[in-house]
Amino acid sequence: MEDTPRQPYSPTDGVRLGISMQEAESVWLNPKIQEPEKLLPLLKPYPSDQMEFYPVSRAVNSPAIDEPSNIAPIK
């Protein structure tokens, strides 16, 4: 069976990516900061032009197969 690569993220996917930017890490990881008004602005979609997309093995979906090769690009 041939794997079909997933298309890059787009705003129409209906999926929100919450990826912490380096600048926000100190705030996000600080356990003393609990206020939603300080944390929610940090949850922004990661710029898709800064992402790298490539197909990977379907084994990445199985917690039973925990190997670094799961995220290696399929050629």
PDB file of N, CA and C in Angstrom:
ATOM      1  N   MET A   1       0.843  -1.166   0.000  1.00  0.00           N
ATOM      2  CA  MET A   1       0.000   0.000   0.000  1.00  0.00           C
ATOM      3  C   MET A   1       0.896   1.239   0.000  1.00  0.00           C
ATOM      4  N   GLU A   2       0.599   2.187  -0.846  1.00  0.00           N
ATOM      5  CA  GLU A   2       1.390   3.402  -0.945  1.00  0.00           C
ATOM      6  C   GLU A   2       0.803   4.481  -0.044  1.00  0.00           C
ATOM      7  N   ASP A   3       1.671   5.158   0.723  1.00  0.00           N
ATOM      8  CA  ASP A   3       1.208   6.235   1.605  1.00  0.00           C
ATOM      9  C   ASP A   3       0.990   7.499   0.788  1.00  0.00           C
ATOM     10  N   THR A   4      -0.084   8.206   1.072  1.00  0.00           N
ATOM     11  CA  THR A   4      -0.350   9.481   0.428  1.00  0.00           C
ATOM     12  C   THR A   4       0.094  10.578   1.369  1.00  0.00           C
ATOM     13  N   PRO A   5       1.029  11.439   0.945  1.00  0.00           N
ATOM     14  CA  PRO A   5       1.501  12.476   1.851  1.00  0.00           C
ATOM     15  C   PRO A   5       0.402  13.467   2.195  1.00  0.00           C
ATOM     16  N   ARG A   6       0.382  13.887   3.424  1.00  0.00           N
ATOM     17  CA  ARG A   6      -0.573  14.902   3.879  1.00  0.00           C
ATOM     18  C   ARG A   6      -0.119  16.258   3.368  1.00  0.00           C
ATOM     19  N   GLN A   7      -1.078  17.061   2.974  1.00  0.00           N
ATOM     20  CA  GLN A   7      -0.773  18.405   2.505  1.00  0.00           C
ATOM     21  C   GLN A   7      -0.363  19.274   3.688  1.00  0.00           C
ATOM     22  N   PRO A   8       0.459  20.293   3.456  1.00  0.00           N
ATOM     23  CA  PRO A   8       0.851  21.188   4.543  1.00  0.00           C
ATOM     24  C   PRO A   8      -0.362  21.811   5.217  1.00  0.00           C
ATOM     25  N   TYR A   9      -0.176  22.185   6.459  1.00  0.00           N
ATOM     26  CA  TYR A   9      -1.221  22.825   7.246  1.00  0.00           C
ATOM     27  C   TYR A   9      -1.750  24.058   6.534  1.00  0.00           C
ATOM     28  N   SER A  10      -3.032  24.219   6.590  1.00  0.00           N
ATOM     29  CA  SER A  10      -3.635  25.450   6.087  1.00  0.00           C
ATOM     30  C   SER A  10      -4.729  25.865   7.072  1.00  0.00           C
ATOM     31  N   PRO A  11      -5.052  27.149   7.124  1.00  0.00           N
ATOM     32  CA  PRO A  11      -6.064  27.603   8.078  1.00  0.00           C
ATOM     33  C   PRO A  11      -7.421  26.937   7.890  1.00  0.00           C
ATOM     34  N   THR A  12      -7.664  26.361   6.718  1.00  0.00           N
ATOM     35  CA  THR A  12      -8.949  25.717   6.472  1.00  0.00           C
ATOM     36  C   THR A  12      -8.997  24.287   6.996  1.00  0.00           C
ATOM     37  N   ASP A  13      -7.908  23.784   7.555  1.00  0.00           N
ATOM     38  CA  ASP A  13      -7.883  22.431   8.103  1.00  0.00           C
ATOM     39  C   ASP A  13      -8.802  22.265   9.307  1.00  0.00           C
ATOM     40  N   GLY A  14      -9.111  23.359   9.985  1.00  0.00           N
ATOM     41  CA  GLY A  14      -9.901  23.255  11.189  1.00  0.00           C
ATOM     42  C   GLY A  14      -9.086  22.771  12.373  1.00  0.00           C
ATOM     43  N   VAL A  15      -7.784  22.748  12.222  1.00  0.00           N
ATOM     44  CA  VAL A  15      -6.886  22.299  13.281  1.00  0.00           C
ATOM     45  C   VAL A  15      -6.083  23.499  13.758  1.00  0.00           C
ATOM     46  N   ARG A  16      -5.985  23.641  15.053  1.00  0.00           N
ATOM     47  CA  ARG A  16      -5.182  24.726  15.611  1.00  0.00           C
ATOM     48  C   ARG A  16      -3.861  24.142  16.081  1.00  0.00           C
ATOM     49  N   LEU A  17      -2.784  24.687  15.588  1.00  0.00           N
ATOM     50  CA  LEU A  17      -1.472  24.258  16.041  1.00  0.00           C
ATOM     51  C   LEU A  17      -1.022  25.187  17.153  1.00  0.00           C
ATOM     52  N   GLY A  18      -0.737  24.649  18.320  1.00  0.00           N
ATOM     53  CA  GLY A  18      -0.216  25.454  19.418  1.00  0.00           C
ATOM     54  C   GLY A  18       1.239  25.124  19.620  1.00  0.00           C
ATOM     55  N   ILE A  19       2.098  25.837  18.965  1.00  0.00           N
ATOM     56  CA  ILE A  19       3.528  25.580  19.051  1.00  0.00           C
ATOM     57  C   ILE A  19       4.172  26.789  19.709  1.00  0.00           C
ATOM     58  N   SER A  20       4.838  26.564  20.803  1.00  0.00           N
ATOM     59  CA  SER A  20       5.446  27.653  21.542  1.00  0.00           C
ATOM     60  C   SER A  20       6.658  28.200  20.801  1.00  0.00           C
ATOM     61  N   MET A  21       6.665  29.512  20.605  1.00  0.00           N
ATOM     62  CA  MET A  21       7.818  30.176  20.020  1.00  0.00           C
ATOM     63  C   MET A  21       8.848  30.356  21.132  1.00  0.00           C
ATOM     64  N   GLN A  22      10.130  30.378  20.780  1.00  0.00           N
ATOM     65  CA  GLN A  22      11.179  30.502  21.779  1.00  0.00           C
ATOM     66  C   GLN A  22      10.977  31.709  22.685  1.00  0.00           C
ATOM     67  N   GLU A  23      10.529  32.822  22.133  1.00  0.00           N
ATOM     68  CA  GLU A  23      10.347  34.034  22.934  1.00  0.00           C
ATOM     69  C   GLU A  23       9.316  33.828  24.039  1.00  0.00           C
ATOM     70  N   ALA A  24       8.360  32.945  23.836  1.00  0.00           N
ATOM     71  CA  ALA A  24       7.268  32.758  24.786  1.00  0.00           C
ATOM     72  C   ALA A  24       7.529  31.630  25.784  1.00  0.00           C
ATOM     73  N   GLU A  25       8.582  30.871  25.588  1.00  0.00           N
ATOM     74  CA  GLU A  25       8.811  29.703  26.443  1.00  0.00           C
ATOM     75  C   GLU A  25       8.891  30.042  27.918  1.00  0.00           C
ATOM     76  N   SER A  26       9.581  31.123  28.280  1.00  0.00           N
ATOM     77  CA  SER A  26       9.748  31.438  29.698  1.00  0.00           C
ATOM     78  C   SER A  26       8.404  31.737  30.360  1.00  0.00           C
ATOM     79  N   VAL A  27       7.487  32.349  29.635  1.00  0.00           N
ATOM     80  CA  VAL A  27       6.156  32.617  30.175  1.00  0.00           C
ATOM     81  C   VAL A  27       5.347  31.325  30.221  1.00  0.00           C
ATOM     82  N   TRP A  28       5.322  30.589  29.111  1.00  0.00           N
ATOM     83  CA  TRP A  28       4.505  29.375  29.002  1.00  0.00           C
ATOM     84  C   TRP A  28       4.911  28.318  30.028  1.00  0.00           C
ATOM     85  N   LEU A  29       6.206  28.179  30.285  1.00  0.00           N
ATOM     86  CA  LEU A  29       6.695  27.135  31.180  1.00  0.00           C
ATOM     87  C   LEU A  29       6.788  27.578  32.636  1.00  0.00           C
ATOM     88  N   ASN A  30       6.462  28.823  32.926  1.00  0.00           N
ATOM     89  CA  ASN A  30       6.533  29.326  34.290  1.00  0.00           C
ATOM     90  C   ASN A  30       5.289  28.880  35.063  1.00  0.00           C
ATOM     91  N   PRO A  31       5.442  27.986  36.060  1.00  0.00           N
ATOM     92  CA  PRO A  31       4.276  27.481  36.786  1.00  0.00           C
ATOM     93  C   PRO A  31       3.574  28.550  37.623  1.00  0.00           C
ATOM     94  N   LYS A  32       4.237  29.674  37.868  1.00  0.00           N
ATOM     95  CA  LYS A  32       3.618  30.749  38.655  1.00  0.00           C
ATOM     96  C   LYS A  32       2.643  31.576  37.823  1.00  0.00           C
ATOM     97  N   ILE A  33       2.751  31.476  36.509  1.00  0.00           N
ATOM     98  CA  ILE A  33       1.842  32.223  35.638  1.00  0.00           C
ATOM     99  C   ILE A  33       0.669  31.313  35.299  1.00  0.00           C
ATOM    100  N   GLN A  34      -0.495  31.619  35.840  1.00  0.00           N
ATOM    101  CA  GLN A  34      -1.690  30.809  35.672  1.00  0.00           C
ATOM    102  C   GLN A  34      -2.819  31.557  34.975  1.00  0.00           C
ATOM    103  N   GLU A  35      -2.675  32.858  34.808  1.00  0.00           N
ATOM    104  CA  GLU A  35      -3.755  33.683  34.274  1.00  0.00           C
ATOM    105  C   GLU A  35      -3.968  33.426  32.782  1.00  0.00           C
ATOM    106  N   PRO A  36      -5.170  33.027  32.388  1.00  0.00           N
ATOM    107  CA  PRO A  36      -5.451  32.776  30.972  1.00  0.00           C
ATOM    108  C   PRO A  36      -5.158  33.983  30.086  1.00  0.00           C
ATOM    109  N   GLU A  37      -5.394  35.205  30.586  1.00  0.00           N
ATOM    110  CA  GLU A  37      -5.155  36.394  29.756  1.00  0.00           C
ATOM    111  C   GLU A  37      -3.669  36.577  29.425  1.00  0.00           C
ATOM    112  N   LYS A  38      -2.778  35.959  30.200  1.00  0.00           N
ATOM    113  CA  LYS A  38      -1.346  36.018  29.896  1.00  0.00           C
ATOM    114  C   LYS A  38      -0.907  34.841  29.023  1.00  0.00           C
ATOM    115  N   LEU A  39      -1.621  33.716  29.121  1.00  0.00           N
ATOM    116  CA  LEU A  39      -1.214  32.502  28.410  1.00  0.00           C
ATOM    117  C   LEU A  39      -1.889  32.333  27.044  1.00  0.00           C
ATOM    118  N   LEU A  40      -3.159  32.643  26.958  1.00  0.00           N
ATOM    119  CA  LEU A  40      -3.889  32.426  25.697  1.00  0.00           C
ATOM    120  C   LEU A  40      -3.297  33.175  24.503  1.00  0.00           C
ATOM    121  N   PRO A  41      -2.789  34.399  24.657  1.00  0.00           N
ATOM    122  CA  PRO A  41      -2.194  35.071  23.498  1.00  0.00           C
ATOM    123  C   PRO A  41      -0.962  34.346  22.933  1.00  0.00           C
ATOM    124  N   LEU A  42      -0.381  33.455  23.721  1.00  0.00           N
ATOM    125  CA  LEU A  42       0.795  32.712  23.246  1.00  0.00           C
ATOM    126  C   LEU A  42       0.414  31.583  22.288  1.00  0.00           C
ATOM    127  N   LEU A  43      -0.860  31.178  22.290  1.00  0.00           N
ATOM    128  CA  LEU A  43      -1.317  30.089  21.426  1.00  0.00           C
ATOM    129  C   LEU A  43      -1.743  30.649  20.080  1.00  0.00           C
ATOM    130  N   LYS A  44      -0.787  30.730  19.191  1.00  0.00           N
ATOM    131  CA  LYS A  44      -1.046  31.226  17.837  1.00  0.00           C
ATOM    132  C   LYS A  44      -0.603  30.151  16.852  1.00  0.00           C
ATOM    133  N   PRO A  45      -1.234  30.072  15.704  1.00  0.00           N
ATOM    134  CA  PRO A  45      -0.756  29.115  14.701  1.00  0.00           C
ATOM    135  C   PRO A  45       0.684  29.434  14.322  1.00  0.00           C
ATOM    136  N   TYR A  46       1.485  28.387  14.230  1.00  0.00           N
ATOM    137  CA  TYR A  46       2.884  28.540  13.823  1.00  0.00           C
ATOM    138  C   TYR A  46       2.901  28.891  12.341  1.00  0.00           C
ATOM    139  N   PRO A  47       3.713  29.851  11.923  1.00  0.00           N
ATOM    140  CA  PRO A  47       3.745  30.246  10.510  1.00  0.00           C
ATOM    141  C   PRO A  47       4.120  29.070   9.601  1.00  0.00           C
ATOM    142  N   SER A  48       3.232  28.730   8.685  1.00  0.00           N
ATOM    143  CA  SER A  48       3.476  27.565   7.832  1.00  0.00           C
ATOM    144  C   SER A  48       4.704  27.739   6.946  1.00  0.00           C
ATOM    145  N   ASP A  49       5.084  28.977   6.644  1.00  0.00           N
ATOM    146  CA  ASP A  49       6.280  29.175   5.819  1.00  0.00           C
ATOM    147  C   ASP A  49       7.567  28.874   6.596  1.00  0.00           C
ATOM    148  N   GLN A  50       7.453  28.666   7.902  1.00  0.00           N
ATOM    149  CA  GLN A  50       8.619  28.307   8.710  1.00  0.00           C
ATOM    150  C   GLN A  50       8.631  26.816   9.062  1.00  0.00           C
ATOM    151  N   MET A  51       7.630  26.070   8.570  1.00  0.00           N
ATOM    152  CA  MET A  51       7.559  24.631   8.827  1.00  0.00           C
ATOM    153  C   MET A  51       8.196  23.860   7.679  1.00  0.00           C
ATOM    154  N   GLU A  52       8.608  22.655   8.000  1.00  0.00           N
ATOM    155  CA  GLU A  52       9.114  21.740   6.986  1.00  0.00           C
ATOM    156  C   GLU A  52       8.156  20.559   6.950  1.00  0.00           C
ATOM    157  N   PHE A  53       7.675  20.201   5.770  1.00  0.00           N
ATOM    158  CA  PHE A  53       6.715  19.120   5.611  1.00  0.00           C
ATOM    159  C   PHE A  53       7.323  18.005   4.771  1.00  0.00           C
ATOM    160  N   TYR A  54       7.130  16.772   5.195  1.00  0.00           N
ATOM    161  CA  TYR A  54       7.549  15.622   4.408  1.00  0.00           C
ATOM    162  C   TYR A  54       6.775  14.401   4.893  1.00  0.00           C
ATOM    163  N   PRO A  55       6.541  13.457   4.019  1.00  0.00           N
ATOM    164  CA  PRO A  55       5.824  12.250   4.420  1.00  0.00           C
ATOM    165  C   PRO A  55       6.690  11.371   5.325  1.00  0.00           C
ATOM    166  N   VAL A  56       6.037  10.713   6.281  1.00  0.00           N
ATOM    167  CA  VAL A  56       6.721   9.789   7.179  1.00  0.00           C
ATOM    168  C   VAL A  56       5.951   8.473   7.204  1.00  0.00           C
ATOM    169  N   SER A  57       6.546   7.488   7.811  1.00  0.00           N
ATOM    170  CA  SER A  57       5.924   6.169   7.909  1.00  0.00           C
ATOM    171  C   SER A  57       4.636   6.225   8.715  1.00  0.00           C
ATOM    172  N   ARG A  58       3.677   5.379   8.364  1.00  0.00           N
ATOM    173  CA  ARG A  58       2.439   5.272   9.146  1.00  0.00           C
ATOM    174  C   ARG A  58       2.721   4.708  10.537  1.00  0.00           C
ATOM    175  N   ALA A  59       3.891   4.142  10.737  1.00  0.00           N
ATOM    176  CA  ALA A  59       4.258   3.607  12.056  1.00  0.00           C
ATOM    177  C   ALA A  59       4.285   4.715  13.108  1.00  0.00           C
ATOM    178  N   VAL A  60       4.396   5.951  12.689  1.00  0.00           N
ATOM    179  CA  VAL A  60       4.411   7.080  13.625  1.00  0.00           C
ATOM    180  C   VAL A  60       3.106   7.137  14.422  1.00  0.00           C
ATOM    181  N   ASN A  61       2.037   6.551  13.922  1.00  0.00           N
ATOM    182  CA  ASN A  61       0.741   6.558  14.601  1.00  0.00           C
ATOM    183  C   ASN A  61       0.616   5.506  15.693  1.00  0.00           C
ATOM    184  N   SER A  62       1.568   4.607  15.793  1.00  0.00           N
ATOM    185  CA  SER A  62       1.468   3.506  16.753  1.00  0.00           C
ATOM    186  C   SER A  62       2.378   3.746  17.960  1.00  0.00           C
ATOM    187  N   PRO A  63       1.802   3.850  19.166  1.00  0.00           N
ATOM    188  CA  PRO A  63       2.643   3.992  20.354  1.00  0.00           C
ATOM    189  C   PRO A  63       3.491   2.746  20.615  1.00  0.00           C
ATOM    190  N   ALA A  64       3.123   1.621  20.013  1.00  0.00           N
ATOM    191  CA  ALA A  64       3.888   0.388  20.209  1.00  0.00           C
ATOM    192  C   ALA A  64       5.189   0.390  19.408  1.00  0.00           C
ATOM    193  N   ILE A  65       5.275   1.264  18.399  1.00  0.00           N
ATOM    194  CA  ILE A  65       6.474   1.322  17.557  1.00  0.00           C
ATOM    195  C   ILE A  65       7.126   2.679  17.791  1.00  0.00           C
ATOM    196  N   ASP A  66       7.937   2.758  18.825  1.00  0.00           N
ATOM    197  CA  ASP A  66       8.569   4.014  19.219  1.00  0.00           C
ATOM    198  C   ASP A  66      10.023   4.002  18.758  1.00  0.00           C
ATOM    199  N   GLU A  67      10.232   4.402  17.511  1.00  0.00           N
ATOM    200  CA  GLU A  67      11.572   4.383  16.921  1.00  0.00           C
ATOM    201  C   GLU A  67      11.851   5.700  16.220  1.00  0.00           C
ATOM    202  N   PRO A  68      13.094   6.177  16.263  1.00  0.00           N
ATOM    203  CA  PRO A  68      13.440   7.416  15.561  1.00  0.00           C
ATOM    204  C   PRO A  68      13.142   7.362  14.063  1.00  0.00           C
ATOM    205  N   SER A  69      13.182   6.182  13.492  1.00  0.00           N
ATOM    206  CA  SER A  69      12.924   6.053  12.053  1.00  0.00           C
ATOM    207  C   SER A  69      11.477   6.414  11.691  1.00  0.00           C
ATOM    208  N   ASN A  70      10.574   6.467  12.676  1.00  0.00           N
ATOM    209  CA  ASN A  70       9.192   6.820  12.405  1.00  0.00           C
ATOM    210  C   ASN A  70       9.047   8.215  11.802  1.00  0.00           C
ATOM    211  N   ILE A  71       9.951   9.104  12.165  1.00  0.00           N
ATOM    212  CA  ILE A  71       9.840  10.475  11.670  1.00  0.00           C
ATOM    213  C   ILE A  71      10.858  10.798  10.574  1.00  0.00           C
ATOM    214  N   ALA A  72      11.539   9.788  10.098  1.00  0.00           N
ATOM    215  CA  ALA A  72      12.474   9.990   8.978  1.00  0.00           C
ATOM    216  C   ALA A  72      11.666  10.179   7.692  1.00  0.00           C
ATOM    217  N   PRO A  73      12.093  11.102   6.837  1.00  0.00           N
ATOM    218  CA  PRO A  73      11.377  11.304   5.572  1.00  0.00           C
ATOM    219  C   PRO A  73      11.355  10.035   4.720  1.00  0.00           C
ATOM    220  N   ILE A  74      10.202   9.777   4.122  1.00  0.00           N
ATOM    221  CA  ILE A  74      10.089   8.666   3.179  1.00  0.00           C
ATOM    222  C   ILE A  74      10.549   9.192   1.822  1.00  0.00           C
ATOM    223  N   LYS A  75      11.447   8.483   1.210  1.00  0.00           N
ATOM    224  CA  LYS A  75      11.982   8.926  -0.097  1.00  0.00           C
ATOM    225  C   LYS A  75      11.139   8.382  -1.213  1.00  0.00           C
TER     226      LYS A  75
END
